[in-house]
N, C-alpha and C. Protein backbone atom coordinates (compact mmCIF):
# COMPACT_ATOMS: atom_id res chain seq x y z
N MET A 1 11.23 -3.97 6.11
CA MET A 1 12.24 -4.24 5.10
C MET A 1 13.27 -3.12 5.14
N PRO A 2 14.52 -3.43 5.32
CA PRO A 2 15.55 -2.39 5.36
C PRO A 2 15.92 -1.90 3.96
N TYR A 3 16.15 -0.61 3.86
CA TYR A 3 16.58 -0.02 2.61
C TYR A 3 17.89 0.72 2.87
N ALA A 4 18.78 0.71 1.90
CA ALA A 4 20.10 1.31 2.07
C ALA A 4 20.03 2.83 2.26
N HIS A 5 19.10 3.48 1.59
CA HIS A 5 19.10 4.94 1.60
C HIS A 5 17.95 5.56 2.39
N TYR A 6 17.08 4.76 2.98
CA TYR A 6 15.90 5.28 3.66
C TYR A 6 15.66 4.55 4.97
N THR A 7 15.17 5.28 5.95
CA THR A 7 14.68 4.63 7.16
C THR A 7 13.23 4.24 6.90
N ALA A 8 12.69 3.40 7.75
CA ALA A 8 11.29 3.00 7.61
C ALA A 8 10.37 4.22 7.69
N GLU A 9 10.72 5.16 8.55
CA GLU A 9 9.92 6.38 8.70
C GLU A 9 9.95 7.22 7.42
N GLU A 10 11.12 7.33 6.79
CA GLU A 10 11.22 8.09 5.54
C GLU A 10 10.39 7.44 4.44
N VAL A 11 10.40 6.12 4.37
CA VAL A 11 9.60 5.42 3.37
C VAL A 11 8.12 5.74 3.59
N ALA A 12 7.67 5.66 4.84
CA ALA A 12 6.27 5.93 5.15
C ALA A 12 5.89 7.37 4.83
N VAL A 13 6.72 8.32 5.20
CA VAL A 13 6.42 9.73 4.96
C VAL A 13 6.34 10.00 3.46
N ARG A 14 7.30 9.51 2.72
CA ARG A 14 7.30 9.74 1.26
C ARG A 14 6.13 9.03 0.60
N GLY A 15 5.86 7.80 1.01
CA GLY A 15 4.75 7.05 0.44
C GLY A 15 3.41 7.71 0.69
N GLU A 16 3.18 8.14 1.92
CA GLU A 16 1.93 8.83 2.27
C GLU A 16 1.78 10.13 1.49
N ALA A 17 2.86 10.88 1.38
CA ALA A 17 2.81 12.15 0.66
C ALA A 17 2.46 11.94 -0.82
N LEU A 18 3.10 10.97 -1.45
CA LEU A 18 2.80 10.68 -2.85
C LEU A 18 1.35 10.25 -3.02
N TYR A 19 0.88 9.41 -2.11
CA TYR A 19 -0.50 8.95 -2.19
C TYR A 19 -1.46 10.14 -2.06
N GLU A 20 -1.27 10.97 -1.07
CA GLU A 20 -2.17 12.10 -0.84
C GLU A 20 -2.12 13.12 -1.97
N GLN A 21 -0.95 13.40 -2.50
CA GLN A 21 -0.78 14.47 -3.49
C GLN A 21 -1.08 14.03 -4.93
N GLN A 22 -0.80 12.76 -5.26
CA GLN A 22 -0.87 12.36 -6.66
C GLN A 22 -1.79 11.19 -6.98
N ILE A 23 -2.10 10.35 -6.01
CA ILE A 23 -2.78 9.10 -6.32
C ILE A 23 -4.20 9.03 -5.79
N ARG A 24 -4.41 9.49 -4.60
CA ARG A 24 -5.70 9.32 -3.90
C ARG A 24 -6.91 9.68 -4.76
N MET A 25 -6.91 10.84 -5.35
CA MET A 25 -8.07 11.30 -6.14
C MET A 25 -8.33 10.40 -7.35
N GLN A 26 -7.32 9.73 -7.84
CA GLN A 26 -7.48 8.86 -9.01
C GLN A 26 -8.06 7.50 -8.65
N VAL A 27 -7.85 7.04 -7.41
CA VAL A 27 -8.21 5.65 -7.09
C VAL A 27 -9.31 5.49 -6.05
N GLU A 28 -9.55 6.50 -5.24
CA GLU A 28 -10.43 6.32 -4.09
C GLU A 28 -11.87 5.97 -4.46
N ALA A 29 -12.42 6.55 -5.49
CA ALA A 29 -13.81 6.31 -5.85
C ALA A 29 -14.07 4.91 -6.39
N THR A 30 -13.08 4.32 -7.05
CA THR A 30 -13.32 3.05 -7.73
C THR A 30 -12.55 1.86 -7.17
N HIS A 31 -11.68 2.07 -6.20
CA HIS A 31 -10.84 0.97 -5.71
C HIS A 31 -10.87 0.82 -4.18
N GLN A 32 -11.99 1.17 -3.55
CA GLN A 32 -12.10 1.06 -2.10
C GLN A 32 -11.73 -0.34 -1.63
N GLY A 33 -10.87 -0.41 -0.62
CA GLY A 33 -10.48 -1.69 -0.03
C GLY A 33 -9.34 -2.40 -0.74
N GLU A 34 -8.95 -1.93 -1.92
CA GLU A 34 -7.85 -2.55 -2.64
C GLU A 34 -6.52 -1.98 -2.13
N PHE A 35 -5.44 -2.65 -2.50
CA PHE A 35 -4.11 -2.24 -2.07
C PHE A 35 -3.42 -1.41 -3.15
N VAL A 36 -2.73 -0.36 -2.72
CA VAL A 36 -1.89 0.45 -3.58
C VAL A 36 -0.46 0.27 -3.10
N VAL A 37 0.43 -0.02 -4.03
CA VAL A 37 1.85 -0.14 -3.73
C VAL A 37 2.56 0.94 -4.54
N VAL A 38 3.22 1.86 -3.82
CA VAL A 38 3.82 3.04 -4.43
C VAL A 38 5.34 2.93 -4.42
N ASP A 39 5.95 3.18 -5.57
CA ASP A 39 7.41 3.31 -5.65
C ASP A 39 7.73 4.73 -5.20
N ILE A 40 8.36 4.87 -4.04
CA ILE A 40 8.55 6.20 -3.46
C ILE A 40 9.59 7.03 -4.21
N GLU A 41 10.33 6.43 -5.10
CA GLU A 41 11.34 7.20 -5.86
C GLU A 41 10.80 7.69 -7.20
N THR A 42 9.86 6.98 -7.79
CA THR A 42 9.35 7.37 -9.11
C THR A 42 7.91 7.87 -9.06
N GLY A 43 7.17 7.50 -8.01
CA GLY A 43 5.76 7.86 -7.93
C GLY A 43 4.85 6.89 -8.67
N ASP A 44 5.44 5.92 -9.36
CA ASP A 44 4.64 4.89 -10.03
C ASP A 44 3.94 4.05 -8.98
N TYR A 45 2.80 3.49 -9.34
CA TYR A 45 2.08 2.64 -8.38
C TYR A 45 1.34 1.52 -9.08
N GLU A 46 1.05 0.51 -8.33
CA GLU A 46 0.24 -0.61 -8.77
C GLU A 46 -0.91 -0.76 -7.79
N ILE A 47 -2.05 -1.20 -8.29
CA ILE A 47 -3.22 -1.39 -7.44
C ILE A 47 -3.83 -2.75 -7.74
N ASP A 48 -4.25 -3.44 -6.68
CA ASP A 48 -4.81 -4.78 -6.83
C ASP A 48 -5.52 -5.16 -5.53
N PRO A 49 -6.53 -6.02 -5.60
CA PRO A 49 -7.14 -6.52 -4.37
C PRO A 49 -6.17 -7.33 -3.52
N ASP A 50 -5.12 -7.85 -4.14
CA ASP A 50 -4.11 -8.66 -3.45
C ASP A 50 -2.81 -7.85 -3.39
N ASP A 51 -2.36 -7.53 -2.18
CA ASP A 51 -1.16 -6.70 -2.04
C ASP A 51 0.08 -7.35 -2.62
N LEU A 52 0.18 -8.67 -2.54
CA LEU A 52 1.34 -9.36 -3.08
C LEU A 52 1.39 -9.26 -4.60
N VAL A 53 0.26 -9.35 -5.26
CA VAL A 53 0.19 -9.20 -6.71
C VAL A 53 0.64 -7.81 -7.12
N ALA A 54 0.14 -6.78 -6.41
CA ALA A 54 0.55 -5.40 -6.71
C ALA A 54 2.05 -5.21 -6.50
N THR A 55 2.57 -5.79 -5.43
CA THR A 55 4.00 -5.68 -5.12
C THR A 55 4.84 -6.36 -6.20
N LYS A 56 4.44 -7.54 -6.63
CA LYS A 56 5.19 -8.25 -7.67
C LYS A 56 5.19 -7.48 -8.98
N ARG A 57 4.06 -6.86 -9.33
CA ARG A 57 4.02 -6.06 -10.55
C ARG A 57 4.95 -4.85 -10.45
N ALA A 58 4.96 -4.19 -9.30
CA ALA A 58 5.84 -3.04 -9.11
C ALA A 58 7.30 -3.45 -9.21
N LEU A 59 7.64 -4.57 -8.60
CA LEU A 59 9.03 -5.04 -8.63
C LEU A 59 9.43 -5.56 -10.01
N ALA A 60 8.47 -6.04 -10.79
CA ALA A 60 8.77 -6.47 -12.15
C ALA A 60 9.16 -5.27 -13.01
N LYS A 61 8.57 -4.13 -12.73
CA LYS A 61 8.91 -2.90 -13.46
C LYS A 61 10.29 -2.38 -13.05
N ARG A 62 10.54 -2.43 -11.73
CA ARG A 62 11.79 -1.87 -11.19
C ARG A 62 12.20 -2.70 -9.99
N PRO A 63 13.05 -3.70 -10.18
CA PRO A 63 13.41 -4.64 -9.12
C PRO A 63 14.03 -4.01 -7.87
N ASP A 64 14.64 -2.85 -8.00
CA ASP A 64 15.26 -2.22 -6.84
C ASP A 64 14.37 -1.13 -6.23
N ALA A 65 13.09 -1.14 -6.57
CA ALA A 65 12.16 -0.11 -6.09
C ALA A 65 12.03 -0.14 -4.57
N VAL A 66 11.85 1.04 -4.01
CA VAL A 66 11.54 1.18 -2.58
C VAL A 66 10.03 1.39 -2.53
N LEU A 67 9.32 0.43 -1.95
CA LEU A 67 7.87 0.42 -2.02
C LEU A 67 7.20 0.74 -0.69
N TYR A 68 6.04 1.38 -0.81
CA TYR A 68 5.19 1.68 0.33
C TYR A 68 3.79 1.22 -0.04
N GLY A 69 3.15 0.47 0.84
CA GLY A 69 1.81 -0.03 0.55
C GLY A 69 0.77 0.45 1.52
N LEU A 70 -0.46 0.58 1.01
CA LEU A 70 -1.58 0.97 1.85
C LEU A 70 -2.87 0.46 1.21
N ARG A 71 -3.94 0.49 2.01
CA ARG A 71 -5.25 0.06 1.52
C ARG A 71 -6.08 1.32 1.25
N VAL A 72 -6.69 1.37 0.07
CA VAL A 72 -7.49 2.53 -0.33
C VAL A 72 -8.69 2.68 0.60
N GLY A 73 -8.83 3.88 1.16
CA GLY A 73 -9.98 4.19 1.99
C GLY A 73 -9.93 3.66 3.39
N ALA A 74 -8.79 3.16 3.83
CA ALA A 74 -8.68 2.59 5.18
C ALA A 74 -7.51 3.25 5.91
N PRO A 75 -7.64 3.42 7.22
CA PRO A 75 -6.53 4.02 7.96
C PRO A 75 -5.32 3.10 8.11
N THR A 76 -5.54 1.79 7.97
CA THR A 76 -4.44 0.82 8.04
C THR A 76 -4.63 -0.22 6.95
N ALA A 77 -3.54 -0.85 6.57
CA ALA A 77 -3.63 -1.87 5.52
C ALA A 77 -4.21 -3.18 6.05
N TYR A 78 -3.94 -3.49 7.31
CA TYR A 78 -4.37 -4.76 7.88
C TYR A 78 -4.98 -4.54 9.25
N ARG A 79 -5.80 -5.49 9.66
CA ARG A 79 -6.39 -5.48 10.98
C ARG A 79 -5.86 -6.70 11.72
N LEU A 80 -5.38 -6.49 12.93
CA LEU A 80 -4.88 -7.60 13.74
C LEU A 80 -5.93 -7.97 14.77
N GLY A 81 -5.96 -9.24 15.09
CA GLY A 81 -6.93 -9.69 16.09
C GLY A 81 -8.23 -10.09 15.44
N GLY A 82 -9.20 -10.32 16.26
CA GLY A 82 -10.50 -10.72 15.74
C GLY A 82 -11.45 -11.02 16.87
N ARG A 83 -12.63 -11.40 16.52
CA ARG A 83 -13.63 -11.76 17.50
C ARG A 83 -14.22 -13.11 17.14
N PHE A 84 -14.57 -13.84 18.15
CA PHE A 84 -15.25 -15.10 17.94
C PHE A 84 -16.74 -14.86 18.06
N ALA A 85 -17.48 -15.43 17.16
CA ALA A 85 -18.93 -15.35 17.25
C ALA A 85 -19.41 -16.63 17.91
N ILE A 86 -20.19 -16.48 18.94
CA ILE A 86 -20.72 -17.65 19.62
C ILE A 86 -22.13 -17.89 19.11
N SER A 87 -22.30 -19.06 18.59
CA SER A 87 -23.59 -19.43 18.05
C SER A 87 -24.38 -20.17 19.13
N ARG A 88 -25.55 -19.65 19.40
CA ARG A 88 -26.41 -20.30 20.40
C ARG A 88 -27.68 -20.76 19.74
N PRO A 89 -28.12 -21.97 20.10
CA PRO A 89 -29.35 -22.50 19.49
C PRO A 89 -30.59 -21.77 19.90
C-alpha cells in the first residue's frame, strides 16, 4: 500500500520498532498467533485473531492511519505454500 509520506521500508521499520519497544511485552503472553495492527504515527494498536477486523478497527479510529501489521510470536504474518498429505490405506 503506498503512503504519501513513507516508503514501505519506513513503515516496516517504524512498525517493528513500536512493536518491540512498546507493545510486545503487553501482548505476547496472552495473544500468541493473533494479529497486531499498529498505527506507526500514534503508536495505537488493535489486536484480533482476524487481521482484517483489527485493521478495520484501527481505521475506524483514524481513517488516514499508516498501519503496520504482524502476527504475535511469529517471524512472519503469513505462510505461503503448503504440503499435501497423502492418505494411504
